[in-house]
């Protein structure tokens, strides 16, 4: 391999910083050029990732999501080293990283493809933003008091209007995140479906809905006190009354390099849920 990136979040814990140094030494001994950096950054990682064959991410799910989003454009596989709380997306633990990394260099891994979403924000009929998500897109109220209205259409057919705290639209990957916290279903990551989960809906019996991946989801937002959108847990941005979000399957996918068996997800699910309990 010619070049590999090693990425952490800004101000990583000392253990992650120490492992980063050790991983860099290991890769350099193997004759691999190493780029090391942080995310989010000023855009340097996005500029160099196309020249990398793999990316090692030393962090939690949030950091892995950010890296996966950027790397997806160039189809570069990533490997998560678990320094987070839940670690649903991580492949290896810090304790086994130095032992297992050579297997990736020898090409003994397989590559898992994860579906993504894209969103288009419209205001008064004009497009004002495009976004991409590996985990989820959340429309929520901006303040603790009050509610927002979210009218839902699927493939231009009216379904319902939620009055409450908001709505989560997630991929199969994101089904184990905020969606799960609302009591939503967990999807196997190989499924190309989209999950919708209402957040504290008032007088609604349709709390969760699963639709095919080729669906077009349209959200009409009504708010008197303010609403916001959060993409993959990143800092949110405000939206206005009568703004519209069109959400569809993204043309890009995220890629994860794996050494575990292809049925790893269920073991990971059981382990992580015990950790959370």
C-alpha atoms as a PDB file:
ATOM      1  CA  UNK A   1       0.000   0.000   0.000  1.00  0.00           C
ATOM      2  CA  UNK A   2       1.279   3.436  -0.932  1.00  0.00           C
ATOM      3  CA  UNK A   3      -0.483   5.727   1.544  1.00  0.00           C
ATOM      4  CA  UNK A   4      -2.724   5.278   4.583  1.00  0.00           C
ATOM      5  CA  UNK A   5      -4.347   7.966   6.716  1.00  0.00           C
ATOM      6  CA  UNK A   6      -4.665   7.852  10.495  1.00  0.00           C
ATOM      7  CA  UNK A   7      -7.336  10.139  11.893  1.00  0.00           C
ATOM      8  CA  UNK A   8      -8.473  11.173  15.374  1.00  0.00           C
ATOM      9  CA  UNK A   9     -10.831  13.792  16.701  1.00  0.00           C
ATOM     10  CA  UNK A  10      -9.371  17.085  17.911  1.00  0.00           C
ATOM     11  CA  UNK A  11      -7.776  16.729  21.366  1.00  0.00           C
ATOM     12  CA  UNK A  12      -7.961  12.913  21.468  1.00  0.00           C
ATOM     13  CA  UNK A  13      -7.525  11.090  24.801  1.00  0.00           C
ATOM     14  CA  UNK A  14      -3.909  10.257  25.716  1.00  0.00           C
ATOM     15  CA  UNK A  15      -4.433   6.552  24.961  1.00  0.00           C
ATOM     16  CA  UNK A  16      -5.548   7.357  21.410  1.00  0.00           C
ATOM     17  CA  UNK A  17      -2.600   9.691  20.877  1.00  0.00           C
ATOM     18  CA  UNK A  18      -0.167   7.024  22.106  1.00  0.00           C
ATOM     19  CA  UNK A  19      -1.706   4.380  19.835  1.00  0.00           C
ATOM     20  CA  UNK A  20      -1.622   6.758  16.879  1.00  0.00           C
ATOM     21  CA  UNK A  21       2.140   7.142  17.333  1.00  0.00           C
ATOM     22  CA  UNK A  22       2.598   3.353  17.533  1.00  0.00           C
ATOM     23  CA  UNK A  23       0.448   2.727  14.453  1.00  0.00           C
ATOM     24  CA  UNK A  24       2.398   5.291  12.480  1.00  0.00           C
ATOM     25  CA  UNK A  25       5.673   3.588  13.434  1.00  0.00           C
ATOM     26  CA  UNK A  26       4.283   0.183  12.409  1.00  0.00           C
ATOM     27  CA  UNK A  27       3.080   1.433   9.028  1.00  0.00           C
ATOM     28  CA  UNK A  28       6.321   3.285   8.341  1.00  0.00           C
ATOM     29  CA  UNK A  29       8.329   0.123   9.051  1.00  0.00           C
ATOM     30  CA  UNK A  30       6.158  -1.624   6.449  1.00  0.00           C
ATOM     31  CA  UNK A  31       7.113   1.000   3.874  1.00  0.00           C
ATOM     32  CA  UNK A  32       3.733   2.762   3.879  1.00  0.00           C
ATOM     33  CA  UNK A  33       3.488   6.534   3.584  1.00  0.00           C
ATOM     34  CA  UNK A  34       1.387   7.870   6.466  1.00  0.00           C
ATOM     35  CA  UNK A  35      -0.802  10.955   6.644  1.00  0.00           C
ATOM     36  CA  UNK A  36      -2.089  11.796  10.110  1.00  0.00           C
ATOM     37  CA  UNK A  37      -4.654  14.391  11.040  1.00  0.00           C
ATOM     38  CA  UNK A  38      -7.898  15.284  12.775  1.00  0.00           C
ATOM     39  CA  UNK A  39     -11.549  15.639  11.819  1.00  0.00           C
ATOM     40  CA  UNK A  40     -13.246  17.954  11.558  1.00  0.00           C
ATOM     41  CA  UNK A  41     -10.491  20.113  10.088  1.00  0.00           C
ATOM     42  CA  UNK A  42     -10.187  22.929   7.582  1.00  0.00           C
ATOM     43  CA  UNK A  43     -10.571  20.524   4.659  1.00  0.00           C
ATOM     44  CA  UNK A  44      -7.117  18.954   4.442  1.00  0.00           C
ATOM     45  CA  UNK A  45      -8.409  15.421   5.017  1.00  0.00           C
ATOM     46  CA  UNK A  46     -10.935  15.826   2.195  1.00  0.00           C
ATOM     47  CA  UNK A  47      -8.113  16.907  -0.103  1.00  0.00           C
ATOM     48  CA  UNK A  48      -5.779  13.972   0.616  1.00  0.00           C
ATOM     49  CA  UNK A  49      -8.198  11.064   1.151  1.00  0.00           C
ATOM     50  CA  UNK A  50      -8.431  10.254  -2.584  1.00  0.00           C
ATOM     51  CA  UNK A  51      -4.722   9.353  -2.500  1.00  0.00           C
ATOM     52  CA  UNK A  52      -5.173   6.901   0.394  1.00  0.00           C
ATOM     53  CA  UNK A  53      -5.941   3.200   0.170  1.00  0.00           C
ATOM     54  CA  UNK A  54      -7.208   2.872   3.749  1.00  0.00           C
ATOM     55  CA  UNK A  55      -8.085   5.167   6.639  1.00  0.00           C
ATOM     56  CA  UNK A  56      -7.654   4.149  10.280  1.00  0.00           C
ATOM     57  CA  UNK A  57      -9.988   6.111  12.580  1.00  0.00           C
ATOM     58  CA  UNK A  58      -9.056   6.198  16.254  1.00  0.00           C
ATOM     59  CA  UNK A  59     -12.246   7.421  17.874  1.00  0.00           C
ATOM     60  CA  UNK A  60     -15.900   6.867  18.606  1.00  0.00           C
ATOM     61  CA  UNK A  61     -18.856   6.509  16.273  1.00  0.00           C
ATOM     62  CA  UNK A  62     -19.116  10.272  15.772  1.00  0.00           C
ATOM     63  CA  UNK A  63     -15.577  10.527  14.433  1.00  0.00           C
ATOM     64  CA  UNK A  64     -16.056   7.410  12.309  1.00  0.00           C
ATOM     65  CA  UNK A  65     -19.246   8.884  10.823  1.00  0.00           C
ATOM     66  CA  UNK A  66     -17.468  12.098   9.892  1.00  0.00           C
ATOM     67  CA  UNK A  67     -14.591  10.245   8.231  1.00  0.00           C
ATOM     68  CA  UNK A  68     -16.946   7.838   6.454  1.00  0.00           C
ATOM     69  CA  UNK A  69     -18.898  10.728   5.009  1.00  0.00           C
ATOM     70  CA  UNK A  70     -15.791  12.355   3.545  1.00  0.00           C
ATOM     71  CA  UNK A  71     -14.165   9.114   2.367  1.00  0.00           C
ATOM     72  CA  UNK A  72     -17.354   7.885   0.683  1.00  0.00           C
ATOM     73  CA  UNK A  73     -16.924  10.264  -2.242  1.00  0.00           C
ATOM     74  CA  UNK A  74     -13.691   8.459  -3.190  1.00  0.00           C
ATOM     75  CA  UNK A  75     -14.798   4.936  -2.115  1.00  0.00           C
ATOM     76  CA  UNK A  76     -11.893   4.674   0.337  1.00  0.00           C
ATOM     77  CA  UNK A  77     -12.463   2.001   3.033  1.00  0.00           C
ATOM     78  CA  UNK A  78     -12.112   2.968   6.682  1.00  0.00           C
ATOM     79  CA  UNK A  79     -11.254   0.941   9.805  1.00  0.00           C
ATOM     80  CA  UNK A  80     -12.613   2.100  13.134  1.00  0.00           C
ATOM     81  CA  UNK A  81     -10.503   1.596  16.265  1.00  0.00           C
ATOM     82  CA  UNK A  82     -12.906   1.856  19.180  1.00  0.00           C
ATOM     83  CA  UNK A  83     -12.304   4.820  21.471  1.00  0.00           C
ATOM     84  CA  UNK A  84     -15.983   5.623  21.919  1.00  0.00           C
ATOM     85  CA  UNK A  85     -18.842   4.772  24.230  1.00  0.00           C
ATOM     86  CA  UNK A  86     -20.800   2.326  22.067  1.00  0.00           C
ATOM     87  CA  UNK A  87     -18.574   1.494  19.094  1.00  0.00           C
ATOM     88  CA  UNK A  88     -21.221   0.146  16.728  1.00  0.00           C
ATOM     89  CA  UNK A  89     -19.088   1.148  13.728  1.00  0.00           C
ATOM     90  CA  UNK A  90     -15.668   0.146  15.066  1.00  0.00           C
ATOM     91  CA  UNK A  91     -13.876  -2.927  13.751  1.00  0.00           C
ATOM     92  CA  UNK A  92     -11.089  -3.454  16.298  1.00  0.00           C
ATOM     93  CA  UNK A  93     -10.330  -2.541  19.897  1.00  0.00           C
ATOM     94  CA  UNK A  94      -7.276  -0.477  20.880  1.00  0.00           C
ATOM     95  CA  UNK A  95      -5.755  -3.521  22.597  1.00  0.00           C
ATOM     96  CA  UNK A  96      -5.720  -5.595  19.409  1.00  0.00           C
ATOM     97  CA  UNK A  97      -4.954  -2.831  16.895  1.00  0.00           C
ATOM     98  CA  UNK A  98      -1.191  -3.376  16.525  1.00  0.00           C
ATOM     99  CA  UNK A  99      -1.708  -7.128  16.169  1.00  0.00           C
ATOM    100  CA  UNK A 100      -4.428  -6.895  13.515  1.00  0.00           C
ATOM    101  CA  UNK A 101      -3.274  -3.973  11.370  1.00  0.00           C
ATOM    102  CA  UNK A 102      -0.744  -6.096   9.399  1.00  0.00           C
ATOM    103  CA  UNK A 103      -3.655  -8.249   8.163  1.00  0.00           C
ATOM    104  CA  UNK A 104      -5.156  -5.195   6.479  1.00  0.00           C
ATOM    105  CA  UNK A 105      -1.822  -4.444   4.837  1.00  0.00           C
ATOM    106  CA  UNK A 106      -1.755  -8.003   3.459  1.00  0.00           C
ATOM    107  CA  UNK A 107      -5.220  -7.541   1.984  1.00  0.00           C
ATOM    108  CA  UNK A 108      -6.902 -10.160   4.185  1.00  0.00           C
ATOM    109  CA  UNK A 109      -9.935  -7.953   4.831  1.00  0.00           C
ATOM    110  CA  UNK A 110     -13.266  -7.725   3.061  1.00  0.00           C
ATOM    111  CA  UNK A 111     -15.078  -4.468   2.330  1.00  0.00           C
ATOM    112  CA  UNK A 112     -18.573  -3.750   3.602  1.00  0.00           C
ATOM    113  CA  UNK A 113     -20.751  -1.194   1.815  1.00  0.00           C
ATOM    114  CA  UNK A 114     -23.122   0.981   3.868  1.00  0.00           C
ATOM    115  CA  UNK A 115     -25.966   2.963   2.286  1.00  0.00           C
ATOM    116  CA  UNK A 116     -26.231   6.712   2.817  1.00  0.00           C
ATOM    117  CA  UNK A 117     -28.892   9.428   2.528  1.00  0.00           C
ATOM    118  CA  UNK A 118     -28.888  12.772   0.804  1.00  0.00           C
ATOM    119  CA  UNK A 119     -31.103  15.733   1.635  1.00  0.00           C
ATOM    120  CA  UNK A 120     -32.107  18.853  -0.256  1.00  0.00           C
ATOM    121  CA  UNK A 121     -33.394  21.870   1.678  1.00  0.00           C
ATOM    122  CA  UNK A 122     -35.916  24.108  -0.094  1.00  0.00           C
ATOM    123  CA  UNK A 123     -37.113  27.543   0.998  1.00  0.00           C
ATOM    124  CA  UNK A 124     -39.876  29.273  -0.962  1.00  0.00           C
ATOM    125  CA  UNK A 125     -39.223  26.772  -3.763  1.00  0.00           C
ATOM    126  CA  UNK A 126     -35.499  27.558  -4.002  1.00  0.00           C
ATOM    127  CA  UNK A 127     -32.766  25.059  -3.135  1.00  0.00           C
ATOM    128  CA  UNK A 128     -30.556  26.459  -0.378  1.00  0.00           C
ATOM    129  CA  UNK A 129     -28.579  23.405   0.747  1.00  0.00           C
ATOM    130  CA  UNK A 130     -27.505  19.831  -0.004  1.00  0.00           C
ATOM    131  CA  UNK A 131     -26.430  17.380   2.692  1.00  0.00           C
ATOM    132  CA  UNK A 132     -25.301  13.764   3.035  1.00  0.00           C
ATOM    133  CA  UNK A 133     -25.714  11.388   5.988  1.00  0.00           C
ATOM    134  CA  UNK A 134     -24.403   7.946   6.868  1.00  0.00           C
ATOM    135  CA  UNK A 135     -26.383   7.705  10.107  1.00  0.00           C
ATOM    136  CA  UNK A 136     -29.416   9.976  10.200  1.00  0.00           C
ATOM    137  CA  UNK A 137     -31.062  13.289   9.456  1.00  0.00           C
ATOM    138  CA  UNK A 138     -32.998  14.740  12.381  1.00  0.00           C
ATOM    139  CA  UNK A 139     -35.554  17.546  12.184  1.00  0.00           C
ATOM    140  CA  UNK A 140     -36.277  18.810  15.689  1.00  0.00           C
ATOM    141  CA  UNK A 141     -37.553  21.725  17.687  1.00  0.00           C
ATOM    142  CA  UNK A 142     -35.003  24.411  18.477  1.00  0.00           C
ATOM    143  CA  UNK A 143     -36.208  25.136  22.027  1.00  0.00           C
ATOM    144  CA  UNK A 144     -37.421  23.065  24.962  1.00  0.00           C
ATOM    145  CA  UNK A 145     -40.827  24.720  24.934  1.00  0.00           C
ATOM    146  CA  UNK A 146     -43.333  24.299  22.122  1.00  0.00           C
ATOM    147  CA  UNK A 147     -43.666  21.720  19.358  1.00  0.00           C
ATOM    148  CA  UNK A 148     -43.123  21.583  15.613  1.00  0.00           C
ATOM    149  CA  UNK A 149     -45.326  20.164  12.861  1.00  0.00           C
ATOM    150  CA  UNK A 150     -43.719  17.799  10.360  1.00  0.00           C
ATOM    151  CA  UNK A 151     -45.913  16.759   7.466  1.00  0.00           C
ATOM    152  CA  UNK A 152     -44.667  13.516   5.907  1.00  0.00           C
ATOM    153  CA  UNK A 153     -45.054  12.455   2.295  1.00  0.00           C
ATOM    154  CA  UNK A 154     -43.528   9.304   0.789  1.00  0.00           C
ATOM    155  CA  UNK A 155     -43.225   9.299  -2.994  1.00  0.00           C
ATOM    156  CA  UNK A 156     -45.529  12.340  -3.038  1.00  0.00           C
ATOM    157  CA  UNK A 157     -48.277  10.494  -1.127  1.00  0.00           C
ATOM    158  CA  UNK A 158     -49.402  12.110   2.119  1.00  0.00           C
ATOM    159  CA  UNK A 159     -48.872   9.826   5.144  1.00  0.00           C
ATOM    160  CA  UNK A 160     -49.359  11.869   8.324  1.00  0.00           C
ATOM    161  CA  UNK A 161     -48.463  15.074  10.157  1.00  0.00           C
ATOM    162  CA  UNK A 162     -46.436  14.686  13.324  1.00  0.00           C
ATOM    163  CA  UNK A 163     -46.913  17.220  16.109  1.00  0.00           C
ATOM    164  CA  UNK A 164     -44.154  16.859  18.648  1.00  0.00           C
ATOM    165  CA  UNK A 165     -40.400  17.160  19.075  1.00  0.00           C
ATOM    166  CA  UNK A 166     -39.487  16.155  15.522  1.00  0.00           C
ATOM    167  CA  UNK A 167     -38.654  13.291  13.187  1.00  0.00           C
ATOM    168  CA  UNK A 168     -35.595  11.075  12.580  1.00  0.00           C
ATOM    169  CA  UNK A 169     -34.833   9.707   9.115  1.00  0.00           C
ATOM    170  CA  UNK A 170     -32.102   7.086   9.306  1.00  0.00           C
ATOM    171  CA  UNK A 171     -30.251   4.490   7.288  1.00  0.00           C
ATOM    172  CA  UNK A 172     -29.860   0.908   8.454  1.00  0.00           C
ATOM    173  CA  UNK A 173     -26.555   2.058   9.955  1.00  0.00           C
ATOM    174  CA  UNK A 174     -28.344   4.812  11.872  1.00  0.00           C
ATOM    175  CA  UNK A 175     -31.064   2.458  13.100  1.00  0.00           C
ATOM    176  CA  UNK A 176     -28.880   1.637  16.137  1.00  0.00           C
ATOM    177  CA  UNK A 177     -28.514   5.318  17.074  1.00  0.00           C
ATOM    178  CA  UNK A 178     -31.228   7.902  17.867  1.00  0.00           C
ATOM    179  CA  UNK A 179     -33.846   5.729  16.155  1.00  0.00           C
ATOM    180  CA  UNK A 180     -33.174   2.904  18.617  1.00  0.00           C
ATOM    181  CA  UNK A 181     -33.489   5.318  21.546  1.00  0.00           C
ATOM    182  CA  UNK A 182     -37.044   6.126  20.417  1.00  0.00           C
ATOM    183  CA  UNK A 183     -37.963   2.430  20.388  1.00  0.00           C
ATOM    184  CA  UNK A 184     -37.446   2.058  16.647  1.00  0.00           C
ATOM    185  CA  UNK A 185     -36.417  -1.147  14.846  1.00  0.00           C
ATOM    186  CA  UNK A 186     -32.808  -2.216  14.345  1.00  0.00           C
ATOM    187  CA  UNK A 187     -32.014  -3.058  10.719  1.00  0.00           C
ATOM    188  CA  UNK A 188     -29.210  -5.283   9.517  1.00  0.00           C
ATOM    189  CA  UNK A 189     -26.680  -2.934   7.849  1.00  0.00           C
ATOM    190  CA  UNK A 190     -26.942  -4.839   4.576  1.00  0.00           C
ATOM    191  CA  UNK A 191     -30.565  -3.717   4.214  1.00  0.00           C
ATOM    192  CA  UNK A 192     -31.156  -0.806   1.847  1.00  0.00           C
ATOM    193  CA  UNK A 193     -34.167   0.546   3.708  1.00  0.00           C
ATOM    194  CA  UNK A 194     -34.910   3.902   5.360  1.00  0.00           C
ATOM    195  CA  UNK A 195     -36.355   4.183   8.868  1.00  0.00           C
ATOM    196  CA  UNK A 196     -38.543   7.036  10.070  1.00  0.00           C
ATOM    197  CA  UNK A 197     -38.985   7.602  13.793  1.00  0.00           C
ATOM    198  CA  UNK A 198     -41.137  10.272  15.407  1.00  0.00           C
ATOM    199  CA  UNK A 199     -39.717  12.017  18.483  1.00  0.00           C
ATOM    200  CA  UNK A 200     -42.317  12.289  21.261  1.00  0.00           C
ATOM    201  CA  UNK A 201     -45.289  12.575  18.874  1.00  0.00           C
ATOM    202  CA  UNK A 202     -48.542  13.898  20.312  1.00  0.00           C
ATOM    203  CA  UNK A 203     -51.669  11.817  19.572  1.00  0.00           C
ATOM    204  CA  UNK A 204     -50.019   9.738  16.832  1.00  0.00           C
ATOM    205  CA  UNK A 205     -49.994   5.961  16.536  1.00  0.00           C
ATOM    206  CA  UNK A 206     -47.507   5.897  13.649  1.00  0.00           C
ATOM    207  CA  UNK A 207     -44.318   6.263  15.643  1.00  0.00           C
ATOM    208  CA  UNK A 208     -42.096   4.288  13.259  1.00  0.00           C
ATOM    209  CA  UNK A 209     -42.134   3.484   9.565  1.00  0.00           C
ATOM    210  CA  UNK A 210     -39.728   1.558   7.304  1.00  0.00           C
ATOM    211  CA  UNK A 211     -39.728   2.368   3.582  1.00  0.00           C
ATOM    212  CA  UNK A 212     -37.710   1.081   0.593  1.00  0.00           C
ATOM    213  CA  UNK A 213     -34.413   2.746  -0.178  1.00  0.00           C
ATOM    214  CA  UNK A 214     -35.617   4.189  -3.504  1.00  0.00           C
ATOM    215  CA  UNK A 215     -38.362   6.172  -1.743  1.00  0.00           C
ATOM    216  CA  UNK A 216     -38.470   9.960  -1.807  1.00  0.00           C
ATOM    217  CA  UNK A 217     -39.275  11.337   1.630  1.00  0.00           C
ATOM    218  CA  UNK A 218     -40.618  14.877   1.763  1.00  0.00           C
ATOM    219  CA  UNK A 219     -40.907  16.749   5.053  1.00  0.00           C
ATOM    220  CA  UNK A 220     -42.858  20.002   5.306  1.00  0.00           C
ATOM    221  CA  UNK A 221     -41.849  21.754   8.515  1.00  0.00           C
ATOM    222  CA  UNK A 222     -44.154  24.049  10.463  1.00  0.00           C
ATOM    223  CA  UNK A 223     -42.683  25.976  13.381  1.00  0.00           C
ATOM    224  CA  UNK A 224     -43.618  29.059  15.359  1.00  0.00           C
ATOM    225  CA  UNK A 225     -40.687  28.991  17.806  1.00  0.00           C
ATOM    226  CA  UNK A 226     -37.951  27.610  15.584  1.00  0.00           C
ATOM    227  CA  UNK A 227     -36.659  24.276  14.300  1.00  0.00           C
ATOM    228  CA  UNK A 228     -33.296  22.816  13.373  1.00  0.00           C
ATOM    229  CA  UNK A 229     -31.728  20.014  11.362  1.00  0.00           C
ATOM    230  CA  UNK A 230     -28.877  17.794  12.542  1.00  0.00           C
ATOM    231  CA  UNK A 231     -26.916  15.605  10.096  1.00  0.00           C
ATOM    232  CA  UNK A 232     -25.080  12.650  11.650  1.00  0.00           C
ATOM    233  CA  UNK A 233     -24.940  14.385  15.010  1.00  0.00           C
ATOM    234  CA  UNK A 234     -22.929  17.325  13.693  1.00  0.00           C
ATOM    235  CA  UNK A 235     -23.744  20.887  14.830  1.00  0.00           C
ATOM    236  CA  UNK A 236     -27.281  21.692  13.776  1.00  0.00           C
ATOM    237  CA  UNK A 237     -28.533  24.506  11.586  1.00  0.00           C
ATOM    238  CA  UNK A 238     -31.786  26.442  11.821  1.00  0.00           C
ATOM    239  CA  UNK A 239     -34.688  26.025   9.436  1.00  0.00           C
ATOM    240  CA  UNK A 240     -37.704  28.260   9.017  1.00  0.00           C
ATOM    241  CA  UNK A 241     -41.440  27.827   8.979  1.00  0.00           C
ATOM    242  CA  UNK A 242     -42.620  26.143   5.739  1.00  0.00           C
ATOM    243  CA  UNK A 243     -39.130  24.919   4.771  1.00  0.00           C
ATOM    244  CA  UNK A 244     -39.118  21.602   2.894  1.00  0.00           C
ATOM    245  CA  UNK A 245     -36.633  18.711   3.113  1.00  0.00           C
ATOM    246  CA  UNK A 246     -36.476  16.148   0.298  1.00  0.00           C
ATOM    247  CA  UNK A 247     -34.573  13.051   1.439  1.00  0.00           C
ATOM    248  CA  UNK A 248     -33.489  10.246  -0.891  1.00  0.00           C
ATOM    249  CA  UNK A 249     -30.938   7.471  -1.146  1.00  0.00           C
ATOM    250  CA  UNK A 250     -27.451   8.920  -1.761  1.00  0.00           C
ATOM    251  CA  UNK A 251     -25.450   7.953  -4.864  1.00  0.00           C
ATOM    252  CA  UNK A 252     -22.477   7.527  -2.514  1.00  0.00           C
ATOM    253  CA  UNK A 253     -21.845   4.705  -0.044  1.00  0.00           C
ATOM    254  CA  UNK A 254     -19.510   4.400   2.914  1.00  0.00           C
ATOM    255  CA  UNK A 255     -17.010   1.528   2.888  1.00  0.00           C
ATOM    256  CA  UNK A 256     -15.650  -0.309   5.915  1.00  0.00           C
ATOM    257  CA  UNK A 257     -12.700  -2.707   5.857  1.00  0.00           C
ATOM    258  CA  UNK A 258     -13.500  -5.739   8.034  1.00  0.00           C
ATOM    259  CA  UNK A 259     -11.630  -8.772   9.346  1.00  0.00           C
ATOM    260  CA  UNK A 260     -14.594 -10.174  11.251  1.00  0.00           C
ATOM    261  CA  UNK A 261     -16.983 -12.667   9.669  1.00  0.00           C
ATOM    262  CA  UNK A 262     -19.789 -11.308   7.514  1.00  0.00           C
ATOM    263  CA  UNK A 263     -22.267 -12.113  10.280  1.00  0.00           C
ATOM    264  CA  UNK A 264     -20.369  -9.942  12.781  1.00  0.00           C
ATOM    265  CA  UNK A 265     -23.215  -7.441  13.214  1.00  0.00           C
ATOM    266  CA  UNK A 266     -25.313  -9.576  15.548  1.00  0.00           C
ATOM    267  CA  UNK A 267     -22.417 -10.289  17.873  1.00  0.00           C
ATOM    268  CA  UNK A 268     -21.531  -6.598  17.863  1.00  0.00           C
ATOM    269  CA  UNK A 269     -25.146  -5.662  18.561  1.00  0.00           C
ATOM    270  CA  UNK A 270     -25.378  -7.952  21.581  1.00  0.00           C
ATOM    271  CA  UNK A 271     -22.012  -6.785  22.940  1.00  0.00           C
ATOM    272  CA  UNK A 272     -22.721  -3.081  22.510  1.00  0.00           C
ATOM    273  CA  UNK A 273     -26.195  -3.278  24.007  1.00  0.00           C
ATOM    274  CA  UNK A 274     -24.760  -5.015  27.098  1.00  0.00           C
ATOM    275  CA  UNK A 275     -22.151  -2.252  27.286  1.00  0.00           C
ATOM    276  CA  UNK A 276     -24.888   0.372  27.125  1.00  0.00           C
ATOM    277  CA  UNK A 277     -26.841  -1.375  29.886  1.00  0.00           C
END
